[in-house]
């Protein structure tokens, strides 16, 4: 999967929502999700000990509404 939209603030915006994203920019980074509440677990490939040790933080997931 290619990430196509990274905004100028060096933020990666992924739209994880139940319905298809209607905006073409949002649709480029849309991930289907179940309806209602769901967990969004972070995943790192490889031995990222800085995450385990708490040196680096996992980016915060922000809900922007429904």
Protein backbone atom coordinates (compact mmCIF):
# COMPACT_ATOMS: atom_id res chain seq x y z
CA UNK A 1 0.00 0.00 0.00
CA UNK A 2 1.37 3.41 -0.92
CA UNK A 3 0.75 6.41 1.28
CA UNK A 4 -0.15 9.21 -1.08
CA UNK A 5 -1.08 12.16 1.14
CA UNK A 6 1.31 13.57 3.72
CA UNK A 7 0.43 17.11 4.69
CA UNK A 8 3.01 19.94 4.89
CA UNK A 9 3.23 19.66 8.71
CA UNK A 10 4.82 16.21 8.22
CA UNK A 11 1.70 14.56 9.54
CA UNK A 12 0.45 11.30 8.16
CA UNK A 13 -3.33 11.42 7.94
CA UNK A 14 -5.07 8.07 7.57
CA UNK A 15 -8.86 8.02 7.40
CA UNK A 16 -9.99 4.88 9.27
CA UNK A 17 -13.76 4.92 9.03
CA UNK A 18 -16.65 2.66 8.22
CA UNK A 19 -17.99 4.54 5.19
CA UNK A 20 -16.00 5.22 2.05
CA UNK A 21 -14.32 8.61 2.12
CA UNK A 22 -16.12 10.90 -0.31
CA UNK A 23 -13.31 13.44 -0.62
CA UNK A 24 -10.71 12.23 -3.18
CA UNK A 25 -7.78 13.31 -0.96
CA UNK A 26 -9.25 11.44 2.02
CA UNK A 27 -10.05 8.41 -0.15
CA UNK A 28 -6.37 8.08 -1.06
CA UNK A 29 -5.55 7.23 2.57
CA UNK A 30 -8.81 5.54 3.59
CA UNK A 31 -8.76 2.35 5.64
CA UNK A 32 -12.04 0.48 6.12
CA UNK A 33 -13.04 0.08 9.76
CA UNK A 34 -15.98 -1.59 11.51
CA UNK A 35 -18.98 0.54 12.38
CA UNK A 36 -19.08 1.98 15.90
CA UNK A 37 -16.12 2.00 18.26
CA UNK A 38 -12.99 0.02 17.46
CA UNK A 39 -9.40 -0.28 18.66
CA UNK A 40 -6.56 1.03 16.54
CA UNK A 41 -3.47 -0.90 17.69
CA UNK A 42 -0.06 0.43 16.66
CA UNK A 43 2.29 -1.93 14.87
CA UNK A 44 6.01 -1.63 14.29
CA UNK A 45 8.12 -3.90 12.12
CA UNK A 46 11.43 -4.84 13.62
CA UNK A 47 13.01 -4.47 17.04
CA UNK A 48 12.12 -0.87 17.87
CA UNK A 49 13.46 -0.84 21.42
CA UNK A 50 12.98 2.91 21.66
CA UNK A 51 9.22 2.27 21.59
CA UNK A 52 9.45 -0.46 24.23
CA UNK A 53 11.67 1.68 26.47
CA UNK A 54 9.37 4.70 26.09
CA UNK A 55 12.05 6.87 24.46
CA UNK A 56 9.89 7.35 21.37
CA UNK A 57 6.14 7.69 21.61
CA UNK A 58 3.59 6.05 19.37
CA UNK A 59 1.74 8.78 17.43
CA UNK A 60 -1.61 9.69 18.91
CA UNK A 61 -4.78 8.62 17.12
CA UNK A 62 -7.19 11.54 16.96
CA UNK A 63 -10.91 11.18 16.34
CA UNK A 64 -12.32 13.96 14.19
CA UNK A 65 -15.98 13.03 14.57
CA UNK A 66 -18.32 10.82 12.68
